[in-house]
């Protein structure tokens, strides 16, 4: 069974930083792109960005470009979302997702709150 376990969320002041982790069970991670999404209260789920598997090419939503960085460590079966210069509008539950053999696998979500 594939499991994604997220960690690293919390409360941070505007302008601060957080790094989220998404640990994937099993050996399929190295062949899977990883996507990050977020869901804020009263809003639709928003795609934040993604990283491909082999080439590790990254893509970002305009709302986070230049502030967020996605990376991966295949040896640790873990993906990361580094968030810098956080703004109150970044407050949301953040989710990681991988796609493998046509199936979506999601993390449980981690809360990020940006507030003074």
C-alpha atoms as a PDB file:
ATOM      1  CA  UNK A   1       0.000   0.000   0.000  1.00  0.00           C
ATOM      2  CA  UNK A   2       1.331   3.408  -0.977  1.00  0.00           C
ATOM      3  CA  UNK A   3       1.418   5.999   1.768  1.00  0.00           C
ATOM      4  CA  UNK A   4       2.460   9.639   1.713  1.00  0.00           C
ATOM      5  CA  UNK A   5       3.216  11.244   5.059  1.00  0.00           C
ATOM      6  CA  UNK A   6       3.622  14.995   5.256  1.00  0.00           C
ATOM      7  CA  UNK A   7       5.335  17.054   7.903  1.00  0.00           C
ATOM      8  CA  UNK A   8       6.701  20.529   8.505  1.00  0.00           C
ATOM      9  CA  UNK A   9       3.626  22.712   8.685  1.00  0.00           C
ATOM     10  CA  UNK A  10       3.021  25.266  11.397  1.00  0.00           C
ATOM     11  CA  UNK A  11       2.507  28.892  12.293  1.00  0.00           C
ATOM     12  CA  UNK A  12       4.887  31.459  10.843  1.00  0.00           C
ATOM     13  CA  UNK A  13       4.977  35.228  10.651  1.00  0.00           C
ATOM     14  CA  UNK A  14       4.688  37.025   7.311  1.00  0.00           C
ATOM     15  CA  UNK A  15       8.041  37.013   5.586  1.00  0.00           C
ATOM     16  CA  UNK A  16       9.053  33.796   7.294  1.00  0.00           C
ATOM     17  CA  UNK A  17       9.918  30.391   5.889  1.00  0.00           C
ATOM     18  CA  UNK A  18       8.800  26.798   6.246  1.00  0.00           C
ATOM     19  CA  UNK A  19       9.896  23.565   4.613  1.00  0.00           C
ATOM     20  CA  UNK A  20       7.363  20.830   4.071  1.00  0.00           C
ATOM     21  CA  UNK A  21       8.341  17.198   3.588  1.00  0.00           C
ATOM     22  CA  UNK A  22       6.424  14.389   1.949  1.00  0.00           C
ATOM     23  CA  UNK A  23       7.747  10.896   2.629  1.00  0.00           C
ATOM     24  CA  UNK A  24       6.560   8.165   0.260  1.00  0.00           C
ATOM     25  CA  UNK A  25       6.480   4.509   1.234  1.00  0.00           C
ATOM     26  CA  UNK A  26       7.725   1.886  -1.183  1.00  0.00           C
ATOM     27  CA  UNK A  27      10.117   2.101  -4.074  1.00  0.00           C
ATOM     28  CA  UNK A  28       7.920   3.809  -6.652  1.00  0.00           C
ATOM     29  CA  UNK A  29       8.844   7.357  -5.724  1.00  0.00           C
ATOM     30  CA  UNK A  30      11.871   7.621  -7.988  1.00  0.00           C
ATOM     31  CA  UNK A  31       9.684   7.016 -11.064  1.00  0.00           C
ATOM     32  CA  UNK A  32       6.883   9.348 -10.014  1.00  0.00           C
ATOM     33  CA  UNK A  33       6.452  13.066 -10.510  1.00  0.00           C
ATOM     34  CA  UNK A  34       5.312  14.872  -7.366  1.00  0.00           C
ATOM     35  CA  UNK A  35       2.758  17.644  -7.198  1.00  0.00           C
ATOM     36  CA  UNK A  36       1.933  20.018  -4.380  1.00  0.00           C
ATOM     37  CA  UNK A  37      -1.510  21.530  -3.851  1.00  0.00           C
ATOM     38  CA  UNK A  38      -3.108  23.717  -1.235  1.00  0.00           C
ATOM     39  CA  UNK A  39      -6.620  24.264   0.029  1.00  0.00           C
ATOM     40  CA  UNK A  40      -7.550  27.470   1.790  1.00  0.00           C
ATOM     41  CA  UNK A  41     -10.845  28.042   3.624  1.00  0.00           C
ATOM     42  CA  UNK A  42     -13.579  29.084   1.242  1.00  0.00           C
ATOM     43  CA  UNK A  43     -11.415  28.523  -1.830  1.00  0.00           C
ATOM     44  CA  UNK A  44     -10.935  25.815  -4.386  1.00  0.00           C
ATOM     45  CA  UNK A  45      -7.931  23.554  -4.293  1.00  0.00           C
ATOM     46  CA  UNK A  46      -4.974  25.246  -5.954  1.00  0.00           C
ATOM     47  CA  UNK A  47      -2.067  23.591  -7.680  1.00  0.00           C
ATOM     48  CA  UNK A  48       1.161  24.974  -6.223  1.00  0.00           C
ATOM     49  CA  UNK A  49       3.819  23.265  -8.279  1.00  0.00           C
ATOM     50  CA  UNK A  50       5.407  20.024  -9.382  1.00  0.00           C
ATOM     51  CA  UNK A  51       8.678  18.250 -10.011  1.00  0.00           C
ATOM     52  CA  UNK A  52       9.292  15.577 -12.617  1.00  0.00           C
ATOM     53  CA  UNK A  53      11.015  12.315 -11.814  1.00  0.00           C
ATOM     54  CA  UNK A  54      14.209  11.887 -13.820  1.00  0.00           C
ATOM     55  CA  UNK A  55      14.976  15.367 -15.083  1.00  0.00           C
ATOM     56  CA  UNK A  56      13.700  17.000 -11.886  1.00  0.00           C
ATOM     57  CA  UNK A  57      12.206  19.835 -13.874  1.00  0.00           C
ATOM     58  CA  UNK A  58      10.064  22.063 -11.698  1.00  0.00           C
ATOM     59  CA  UNK A  59       6.935  24.049 -12.460  1.00  0.00           C
ATOM     60  CA  UNK A  60       5.204  26.613 -10.274  1.00  0.00           C
ATOM     61  CA  UNK A  61       1.979  28.516 -10.040  1.00  0.00           C
ATOM     62  CA  UNK A  62       2.403  32.225 -10.655  1.00  0.00           C
ATOM     63  CA  UNK A  63       1.247  32.938  -7.107  1.00  0.00           C
ATOM     64  CA  UNK A  64       4.307  31.218  -5.609  1.00  0.00           C
ATOM     65  CA  UNK A  65       6.922  31.551  -8.324  1.00  0.00           C
ATOM     66  CA  UNK A  66      10.159  32.992  -6.966  1.00  0.00           C
ATOM     67  CA  UNK A  67       9.186  32.235  -3.362  1.00  0.00           C
ATOM     68  CA  UNK A  68       8.629  28.461  -3.283  1.00  0.00           C
ATOM     69  CA  UNK A  69      11.063  25.742  -4.326  1.00  0.00           C
ATOM     70  CA  UNK A  70      10.226  22.085  -4.904  1.00  0.00           C
ATOM     71  CA  UNK A  71      12.906  19.430  -4.643  1.00  0.00           C
ATOM     72  CA  UNK A  72      13.244  15.697  -4.119  1.00  0.00           C
ATOM     73  CA  UNK A  73      15.625  13.177  -2.618  1.00  0.00           C
ATOM     74  CA  UNK A  74      14.994   9.842  -4.269  1.00  0.00           C
ATOM     75  CA  UNK A  75      17.378   8.056  -1.902  1.00  0.00           C
ATOM     76  CA  UNK A  76      15.089   9.085   0.951  1.00  0.00           C
ATOM     77  CA  UNK A  77      11.833   8.681  -1.019  1.00  0.00           C
ATOM     78  CA  UNK A  78      10.974  12.208   0.026  1.00  0.00           C
ATOM     79  CA  UNK A  79       9.816  15.357  -1.700  1.00  0.00           C
ATOM     80  CA  UNK A  80      10.118  18.867  -0.322  1.00  0.00           C
ATOM     81  CA  UNK A  81       8.412  22.218  -0.606  1.00  0.00           C
ATOM     82  CA  UNK A  82      10.565  25.100   0.612  1.00  0.00           C
ATOM     83  CA  UNK A  83       8.454  28.183   1.186  1.00  0.00           C
ATOM     84  CA  UNK A  84      10.088  31.567   1.654  1.00  0.00           C
ATOM     85  CA  UNK A  85       8.736  35.074   2.087  1.00  0.00           C
ATOM     86  CA  UNK A  86       5.424  33.654   3.192  1.00  0.00           C
ATOM     87  CA  UNK A  87       2.326  35.814   2.988  1.00  0.00           C
ATOM     88  CA  UNK A  88      -1.009  35.591   4.848  1.00  0.00           C
ATOM     89  CA  UNK A  89      -2.632  34.467   1.601  1.00  0.00           C
ATOM     90  CA  UNK A  90      -0.407  31.383   1.653  1.00  0.00           C
ATOM     91  CA  UNK A  91      -2.376  30.115   4.652  1.00  0.00           C
ATOM     92  CA  UNK A  92      -3.837  26.751   3.679  1.00  0.00           C
ATOM     93  CA  UNK A  93      -3.603  23.019   4.120  1.00  0.00           C
ATOM     94  CA  UNK A  94      -0.861  21.769   1.839  1.00  0.00           C
ATOM     95  CA  UNK A  95      -0.993  18.369   0.152  1.00  0.00           C
ATOM     96  CA  UNK A  96       1.508  16.342  -1.819  1.00  0.00           C
ATOM     97  CA  UNK A  97       0.458  13.934  -4.523  1.00  0.00           C
ATOM     98  CA  UNK A  98       2.123  11.397  -6.746  1.00  0.00           C
ATOM     99  CA  UNK A  99       0.724   9.571  -9.742  1.00  0.00           C
ATOM    100  CA  UNK A 100       1.767   6.000 -10.333  1.00  0.00           C
ATOM    101  CA  UNK A 101       0.282   3.492 -12.749  1.00  0.00           C
ATOM    102  CA  UNK A 102      -2.616   5.825 -13.376  1.00  0.00           C
ATOM    103  CA  UNK A 103      -3.522   6.183  -9.703  1.00  0.00           C
ATOM    104  CA  UNK A 104      -3.344   9.305  -7.544  1.00  0.00           C
ATOM    105  CA  UNK A 105      -1.840   8.987  -4.076  1.00  0.00           C
ATOM    106  CA  UNK A 106      -2.245  11.869  -1.633  1.00  0.00           C
ATOM    107  CA  UNK A 107      -0.649  12.901   1.601  1.00  0.00           C
ATOM    108  CA  UNK A 108      -2.798  13.629   4.633  1.00  0.00           C
ATOM    109  CA  UNK A 109      -2.191  17.367   4.422  1.00  0.00           C
ATOM    110  CA  UNK A 110      -0.338  19.738   6.713  1.00  0.00           C
ATOM    111  CA  UNK A 111      -1.580  23.105   7.938  1.00  0.00           C
ATOM    112  CA  UNK A 112       0.419  26.231   7.167  1.00  0.00           C
ATOM    113  CA  UNK A 113      -0.719  29.416   8.873  1.00  0.00           C
ATOM    114  CA  UNK A 114       0.911  32.751   8.096  1.00  0.00           C
ATOM    115  CA  UNK A 115      -0.059  35.360  10.654  1.00  0.00           C
ATOM    116  CA  UNK A 116       1.461  38.005  12.872  1.00  0.00           C
END
